[in-house]
Amino acid sequence: MTLYDHVQELRAELSRCCDPFEIRQIEAELAAAQAELARQAAAFEAWLARLE
């Protein structure tokens, strides 16, 4: 599963979750996954910039 797919899965899980404890867990995992996705995107953009 790609990181993007994992983020989408967490978003879907969060939308149907009603347990406050589980919501906090999913939100934390989602935030971490989104931060990693942003880090990877920035690294890719930097790599592309070096090619120009």
PDB file of N, CA and C in Angstrom:
ATOM      1  N   MET A   1       0.850  -1.168   0.000  1.00  0.00           N
ATOM      2  CA  MET A   1       0.000   0.000   0.000  1.00  0.00           C
ATOM      3  C   MET A   1       0.901   1.238   0.000  1.00  0.00           C
ATOM      4  N   THR A   2       0.561   2.189  -0.834  1.00  0.00           N
ATOM      5  CA  THR A   2       1.340   3.423  -0.862  1.00  0.00           C
ATOM      6  C   THR A   2       0.967   4.298   0.329  1.00  0.00           C
ATOM      7  N   LEU A   3       1.813   5.261   0.609  1.00  0.00           N
ATOM      8  CA  LEU A   3       1.539   6.190   1.705  1.00  0.00           C
ATOM      9  C   LEU A   3       0.269   6.987   1.420  1.00  0.00           C
ATOM     10  N   TYR A   4       0.086   7.386   0.164  1.00  0.00           N
ATOM     11  CA  TYR A   4      -1.131   8.104  -0.220  1.00  0.00           C
ATOM     12  C   TYR A   4      -2.370   7.254   0.073  1.00  0.00           C
ATOM     13  N   ASP A   5      -2.320   5.988  -0.290  1.00  0.00           N
ATOM     14  CA  ASP A   5      -3.447   5.086  -0.035  1.00  0.00           C
ATOM     15  C   ASP A   5      -3.697   4.936   1.461  1.00  0.00           C
ATOM     16  N   HIS A   6      -2.629   4.881   2.226  1.00  0.00           N
ATOM     17  CA  HIS A   6      -2.757   4.761   3.682  1.00  0.00           C
ATOM     18  C   HIS A   6      -3.466   5.993   4.253  1.00  0.00           C
ATOM     19  N   VAL A   7      -3.102   7.176   3.781  1.00  0.00           N
ATOM     20  CA  VAL A   7      -3.759   8.412   4.223  1.00  0.00           C
ATOM     21  C   VAL A   7      -5.242   8.361   3.871  1.00  0.00           C
ATOM     22  N   GLN A   8      -5.557   7.925   2.661  1.00  0.00           N
ATOM     23  CA  GLN A   8      -6.959   7.845   2.250  1.00  0.00           C
ATOM     24  C   GLN A   8      -7.734   6.841   3.111  1.00  0.00           C
ATOM     25  N   GLU A   9      -7.103   5.732   3.423  1.00  0.00           N
ATOM     26  CA  GLU A   9      -7.741   4.722   4.268  1.00  0.00           C
ATOM     27  C   GLU A   9      -8.000   5.275   5.673  1.00  0.00           C
ATOM     28  N   LEU A  10      -7.036   5.990   6.217  1.00  0.00           N
ATOM     29  CA  LEU A  10      -7.213   6.585   7.547  1.00  0.00           C
ATOM     30  C   LEU A  10      -8.326   7.625   7.541  1.00  0.00           C
ATOM     31  N   ARG A  11      -8.405   8.419   6.492  1.00  0.00           N
ATOM     32  CA  ARG A  11      -9.488   9.411   6.384  1.00  0.00           C
ATOM     33  C   ARG A  11     -10.850   8.723   6.362  1.00  0.00           C
ATOM     34  N   ALA A  12     -10.958   7.654   5.604  1.00  0.00           N
ATOM     35  CA  ALA A  12     -12.219   6.916   5.527  1.00  0.00           C
ATOM     36  C   ALA A  12     -12.566   6.301   6.878  1.00  0.00           C
ATOM     37  N   GLU A  13     -11.570   5.736   7.529  1.00  0.00           N
ATOM     38  CA  GLU A  13     -11.779   5.131   8.843  1.00  0.00           C
ATOM     39  C   GLU A  13     -12.231   6.186   9.850  1.00  0.00           C
ATOM     40  N   LEU A  14     -11.614   7.354   9.788  1.00  0.00           N
ATOM     41  CA  LEU A  14     -11.954   8.441  10.703  1.00  0.00           C
ATOM     42  C   LEU A  14     -13.387   8.920  10.483  1.00  0.00           C
ATOM     43  N   SER A  15     -13.831   8.940   9.241  1.00  0.00           N
ATOM     44  CA  SER A  15     -15.174   9.439   8.935  1.00  0.00           C
ATOM     45  C   SER A  15     -16.277   8.535   9.475  1.00  0.00           C
ATOM     46  N   ARG A  16     -15.963   7.263   9.718  1.00  0.00           N
ATOM     47  CA  ARG A  16     -17.007   6.354  10.212  1.00  0.00           C
ATOM     48  C   ARG A  16     -16.777   5.917  11.661  1.00  0.00           C
ATOM     49  N   CYS A  17     -15.805   6.529  12.318  1.00  0.00           N
ATOM     50  CA  CYS A  17     -15.468   6.154  13.690  1.00  0.00           C
ATOM     51  C   CYS A  17     -16.264   7.011  14.678  1.00  0.00           C
ATOM     52  N   CYS A  18     -16.711   6.398  15.769  1.00  0.00           N
ATOM     53  CA  CYS A  18     -17.463   7.167  16.760  1.00  0.00           C
ATOM     54  C   CYS A  18     -16.897   7.036  18.176  1.00  0.00           C
ATOM     55  N   ASP A  19     -15.881   6.239  18.372  1.00  0.00           N
ATOM     56  CA  ASP A  19     -15.244   6.080  19.679  1.00  0.00           C
ATOM     57  C   ASP A  19     -14.194   7.181  19.857  1.00  0.00           C
ATOM     58  N   PRO A  20     -14.351   8.048  20.870  1.00  0.00           N
ATOM     59  CA  PRO A  20     -13.417   9.169  21.053  1.00  0.00           C
ATOM     60  C   PRO A  20     -11.953   8.741  21.175  1.00  0.00           C
ATOM     61  N   PHE A  21     -11.687   7.639  21.868  1.00  0.00           N
ATOM     62  CA  PHE A  21     -10.314   7.165  22.013  1.00  0.00           C
ATOM     63  C   PHE A  21      -9.748   6.741  20.661  1.00  0.00           C
ATOM     64  N   GLU A  22     -10.548   6.007  19.911  1.00  0.00           N
ATOM     65  CA  GLU A  22     -10.105   5.543  18.595  1.00  0.00           C
ATOM     66  C   GLU A  22      -9.927   6.719  17.629  1.00  0.00           C
ATOM     67  N   ILE A  23     -10.806   7.711  17.733  1.00  0.00           N
ATOM     68  CA  ILE A  23     -10.685   8.906  16.892  1.00  0.00           C
ATOM     69  C   ILE A  23      -9.339   9.579  17.128  1.00  0.00           C
ATOM     70  N   ARG A  24      -8.952   9.731  18.397  1.00  0.00           N
ATOM     71  CA  ARG A  24      -7.661  10.358  18.715  1.00  0.00           C
ATOM     72  C   ARG A  24      -6.499   9.541  18.152  1.00  0.00           C
ATOM     73  N   GLN A  25      -6.602   8.232  18.247  1.00  0.00           N
ATOM     74  CA  GLN A  25      -5.544   7.370  17.701  1.00  0.00           C
ATOM     75  C   GLN A  25      -5.428   7.528  16.185  1.00  0.00           C
ATOM     76  N   ILE A  26      -6.556   7.508  15.518  1.00  0.00           N
ATOM     77  CA  ILE A  26      -6.558   7.632  14.055  1.00  0.00           C
ATOM     78  C   ILE A  26      -6.054   9.011  13.647  1.00  0.00           C
ATOM     79  N   GLU A  27      -6.486  10.056  14.369  1.00  0.00           N
ATOM     80  CA  GLU A  27      -6.025  11.406  14.055  1.00  0.00           C
ATOM     81  C   GLU A  27      -4.508  11.522  14.186  1.00  0.00           C
ATOM     82  N   ALA A  28      -3.957  10.906  15.217  1.00  0.00           N
ATOM     83  CA  ALA A  28      -2.503  10.952  15.415  1.00  0.00           C
ATOM     84  C   ALA A  28      -1.782  10.214  14.287  1.00  0.00           C
ATOM     85  N   GLU A  29      -2.290   9.051  13.923  1.00  0.00           N
ATOM     86  CA  GLU A  29      -1.671   8.285  12.839  1.00  0.00           C
ATOM     87  C   GLU A  29      -1.809   9.016  11.506  1.00  0.00           C
ATOM     88  N   LEU A  30      -2.968   9.644  11.301  1.00  0.00           N
ATOM     89  CA  LEU A  30      -3.197  10.405  10.078  1.00  0.00           C
ATOM     90  C   LEU A  30      -2.249  11.600   9.998  1.00  0.00           C
ATOM     91  N   ALA A  31      -2.076  12.306  11.103  1.00  0.00           N
ATOM     92  CA  ALA A  31      -1.164  13.456  11.119  1.00  0.00           C
ATOM     93  C   ALA A  31       0.262  13.021  10.792  1.00  0.00           C
ATOM     94  N   ALA A  32       0.687  11.912  11.352  1.00  0.00           N
ATOM     95  CA  ALA A  32       2.038  11.406  11.083  1.00  0.00           C
ATOM     96  C   ALA A  32       2.182  11.008   9.615  1.00  0.00           C
ATOM     97  N   ALA A  33       1.179  10.348   9.078  1.00  0.00           N
ATOM     98  CA  ALA A  33       1.231   9.918   7.678  1.00  0.00           C
ATOM     99  C   ALA A  33       1.224  11.125   6.740  1.00  0.00           C
ATOM    100  N   GLN A  34       0.421  12.133   7.058  1.00  0.00           N
ATOM    101  CA  GLN A  34       0.378  13.334   6.229  1.00  0.00           C
ATOM    102  C   GLN A  34       1.709  14.089   6.290  1.00  0.00           C
ATOM    103  N   ALA A  35       2.317  14.134   7.459  1.00  0.00           N
ATOM    104  CA  ALA A  35       3.621  14.792   7.593  1.00  0.00           C
ATOM    105  C   ALA A  35       4.673  14.065   6.760  1.00  0.00           C
ATOM    106  N   GLU A  36       4.646  12.756   6.778  1.00  0.00           N
ATOM    107  CA  GLU A  36       5.600  11.974   5.979  1.00  0.00           C
ATOM    108  C   GLU A  36       5.340  12.169   4.489  1.00  0.00           C
ATOM    109  N   LEU A  37       4.074  12.219   4.109  1.00  0.00           N
ATOM    110  CA  LEU A  37       3.726  12.455   2.709  1.00  0.00           C
ATOM    111  C   LEU A  37       4.234  13.828   2.265  1.00  0.00           C
ATOM    112  N   ALA A  38       4.077  14.836   3.105  1.00  0.00           N
ATOM    113  CA  ALA A  38       4.574  16.180   2.794  1.00  0.00           C
ATOM    114  C   ALA A  38       6.097  16.182   2.702  1.00  0.00           C
ATOM    115  N   ARG A  39       6.756  15.458   3.598  1.00  0.00           N
ATOM    116  CA  ARG A  39       8.217  15.382   3.569  1.00  0.00           C
ATOM    117  C   ARG A  39       8.689  14.741   2.262  1.00  0.00           C
ATOM    118  N   GLN A  40       8.020  13.672   1.869  1.00  0.00           N
ATOM    119  CA  GLN A  40       8.388  12.993   0.624  1.00  0.00           C
ATOM    120  C   GLN A  40       8.140  13.885  -0.591  1.00  0.00           C
ATOM    121  N   ALA A  41       7.045  14.619  -0.579  1.00  0.00           N
ATOM    122  CA  ALA A  41       6.737  15.521  -1.692  1.00  0.00           C
ATOM    123  C   ALA A  41       7.791  16.622  -1.787  1.00  0.00           C
ATOM    124  N   ALA A  42       8.200  17.163  -0.647  1.00  0.00           N
ATOM    125  CA  ALA A  42       9.227  18.209  -0.642  1.00  0.00           C
ATOM    126  C   ALA A  42      10.558  17.659  -1.148  1.00  0.00           C
ATOM    127  N   ALA A  43      10.900  16.461  -0.747  1.00  0.00           N
ATOM    128  CA  ALA A  43      12.146  15.844  -1.209  1.00  0.00           C
ATOM    129  C   ALA A  43      12.095  15.610  -2.716  1.00  0.00           C
ATOM    130  N   PHE A  44      10.961  15.193  -3.221  1.00  0.00           N
ATOM    131  CA  PHE A  44      10.811  14.973  -4.654  1.00  0.00           C
ATOM    132  C   PHE A  44      10.925  16.288  -5.422  1.00  0.00           C
ATOM    133  N   GLU A  45      10.275  17.342  -4.905  1.00  0.00           N
ATOM    134  CA  GLU A  45      10.356  18.660  -5.544  1.00  0.00           C
ATOM    135  C   GLU A  45      11.793  19.164  -5.562  1.00  0.00           C
ATOM    136  N   ALA A  46      12.518  18.954  -4.478  1.00  0.00           N
ATOM    137  CA  ALA A  46      13.924  19.368  -4.417  1.00  0.00           C
ATOM    138  C   ALA A  46      14.750  18.586  -5.436  1.00  0.00           C
ATOM    139  N   TRP A  47      14.476  17.308  -5.570  1.00  0.00           N
ATOM    140  CA  TRP A  47      15.177  16.477  -6.548  1.00  0.00           C
ATOM    141  C   TRP A  47      14.900  16.974  -7.970  1.00  0.00           C
ATOM    142  N   LEU A  48      13.628  17.297  -8.251  1.00  0.00           N
ATOM    143  CA  LEU A  48      13.281  17.810  -9.575  1.00  0.00           C
ATOM    144  C   LEU A  48      13.980  19.135  -9.852  1.00  0.00           C
ATOM    145  N   ALA A  49      14.055  19.991  -8.852  1.00  0.00           N
ATOM    146  CA  ALA A  49      14.696  21.297  -9.024  1.00  0.00           C
ATOM    147  C   ALA A  49      16.177  21.137  -9.363  1.00  0.00           C
ATOM    148  N   ARG A  50      16.810  20.130  -8.812  1.00  0.00           N
ATOM    149  CA  ARG A  50      18.231  19.893  -9.104  1.00  0.00           C
ATOM    150  C   ARG A  50      18.441  19.424 -10.544  1.00  0.00           C
ATOM    151  N   LEU A  51      17.422  18.849 -11.150  1.00  0.00           N
ATOM    152  CA  LEU A  51      17.539  18.362 -12.527  1.00  0.00           C
ATOM    153  C   LEU A  51      17.494  19.493 -13.554  1.00  0.00           C
ATOM    154  N   GLU A  52      16.937  20.607 -13.162  1.00  0.00           N
ATOM    155  CA  GLU A  52      16.762  21.722 -14.116  1.00  0.00           C
ATOM    156  C   GLU A  52      18.028  22.479 -14.355  1.00  0.00           C
TER     157      GLU A  52
END
